[in-house]
Amino acid sequence: MADKMTPEQRSNCMRRIKSKNTRPEMLVRRFLFSHGFRYRIHAKTLPGTPDIALVGLRTCIFINGCFWHGHQGCSMYTVPKSNVEFWTHKIKRNQARDHESLLALKAQGWHTIEIWECQLLPKQRLQTLQGLLRTLNLIQLENSGATFTYHFDEEETFPSIAAESEE
């Protein structure tokens, strides 16, 4: 199927796509700030230039666009029908670079969190942001040396985990 736009129109359209301060990124930043977290944005001193770096927690957050980073199994990611070889190569390069960045950050002792664009759509947004908040709170507790113990009432019954033996 041929492109409905002229090459000049397509070029102008692609040129307007931002890589920084995107809508999903701004949404996460506003949420974090409103919950008392302070951060650095686009920290060039860290591998992969994370979108958000919480230095006090040694945590980096990457907010990935589903198309540009090749989110497998997502309806927002489809390889364009024109120039397929170029796009598959470009997206594979992006994925390889993302993987290298995550490994380099982990080697330096940083926690990493990836949030996909589709996870910030209205249907999943609240669940994703609450999960992010829980994760950051756990990292904060872990960094402060807290130990986790769980106490359940004897009357409460919980489904067993696959690895647990039934007694």
Foldseek 3Di string as FASTA:
>chain_A
DDDPDDPVVVVVVVVPDDDAPDPVLVVLVVLCVVVPQDWDAQPVVAQPSARTARPVLLEGEHEDECCQQVPPPDPNHDQDPPPRVVSVVRNVVSNVSVVVRCVRSVVVVHHYHYHYPVCCPPVNNVVVSVVVVVVSVVSVCVVVPDDDDDDDDPPDDDDDDPPDDDD
